[in-house]
Amino acid sequence: MLTAKPRLPIRQMLCHGWLPSCLKRLLYRFWGYRVGRHVSFGFGSVVLGRDVTIGAHSRLGFLSFVRADTIRMGDRVHIGAVTMLDTPHIEIGDDTRINEQVFVGGLQFPDSKLVVGRNCQIMQMTFINPARSVIIGDDTGIGGDCLLFGHTSWLSKLEGYPVDFQPIEIGRSVSLAWRVFVLPGTRIGDGAVVGANSLVRGQIPPRCLAVGFPARVVSREPEFPRPVSDDDRIRWVEEMIVECMGILEQHGFPSRRSDSTWTVNGFRGWGPFRRAATWRLRLNSTLAGGETDAIPAADVLVSLSAIPDASRTALSRRGVVWLDLATKERADLVHPLGEEVVQHLRRYGIRFCRVKPTSGRAL
């Protein structure tokens, strides 16, 4: 066949897939790929494309490959082991995670594309076929064993059987539980939740709960999602921080609390370079409109209220990892305690997009 290509890029994996990550970065840059700083390529992994951009701190896991004419990967994109992304056009936003053994491919056309927004997660064993296009909005989660099919074709259209090739659109902050089957032509609105083992076709409205085979809306506002009071938000966030401190203590990082400030004791570095360290976390629910200088010294600031731009800049200059719960944004800084808090809040569906400061320092 004129258009045939191997399902797996075995030749490339054998030729340069075994190279260490540092040499792969040099090789790809020599080929004209735009590869950011601290990008990591696992053993056996390869990237194949004509126009390739890979953001800083991104990672490609063991025996995984990305093959497309156009590849756009943002900063801190993580692709798990034995994952295959193979479609003409691929775009993946900052901080998105694609877990192990995810497959993107199948029957496609020249305009087929996969677009995944910022801060998304696609769980393991999911199969996506972008026959036309599959577009996934920011902050959306796709559960494991999900099937997103952009076509229904097998029997002959000339004999009256339906043959469809249609795009799939999934909005922002959507949650698909495990084993959801999404058929071509589906559009899911922002903030919708689809229950496990559901079959989705057609349109699902925003901010609702849909379950079943086929999926039907069973709950919507104001019952789902239900209103939350400010007192509930304050109480729940405090409980999450207390729980996070308890987990850290289990792992040998004791903490003590004074009002809205937690002090965590631990160690920084490894081996002969290991030394004692102390970090402070501050929970602030009344920051909006306040002065940065009035905030007690802290390494991590969790704010229930929106943090003004001026305060964000000042905090970043001081090396403080600020987490803005109101806007779901965070400082683009790296700090050991900050990353622990961010990962713990993810358990409760709270995810942050990074905001690059005009100036600041990474710890």
Foldseek 3Di string as FASTA:
>chain_A
DVPDDDPAPVVCLVPPLQPAQVVLVVVVVVVVAAEEACEGEERSEEEAECYHYAEACEYAEANEYAYEPEYAHYYHEYEEHCEYHYDHEEHAEANEYEYPAEYEEDAADNQFYEAAYYNEYEDHQEYAYRNHYEHAEALEYHEHQEYHDQWDDDDDVVVPDDTGGAYEAHYYNEYEYHHEYEYHPEHEEACEYEDHNEYDDHYHYHQFYWYDDPTDTDGHPCVGPPDDDPVRVVVVVVVLVVVLQVVVVVVPWHWDDDVQKIKTWDWDDDDPPIDIDIFMEGEEAPQVPDDLVVDPDGQEYEYAADHDPVNLQVCQAVNHWYQYQVVQAIEPADDVVVVSSQVSVVVVSRHHHYDYHPDHDHD
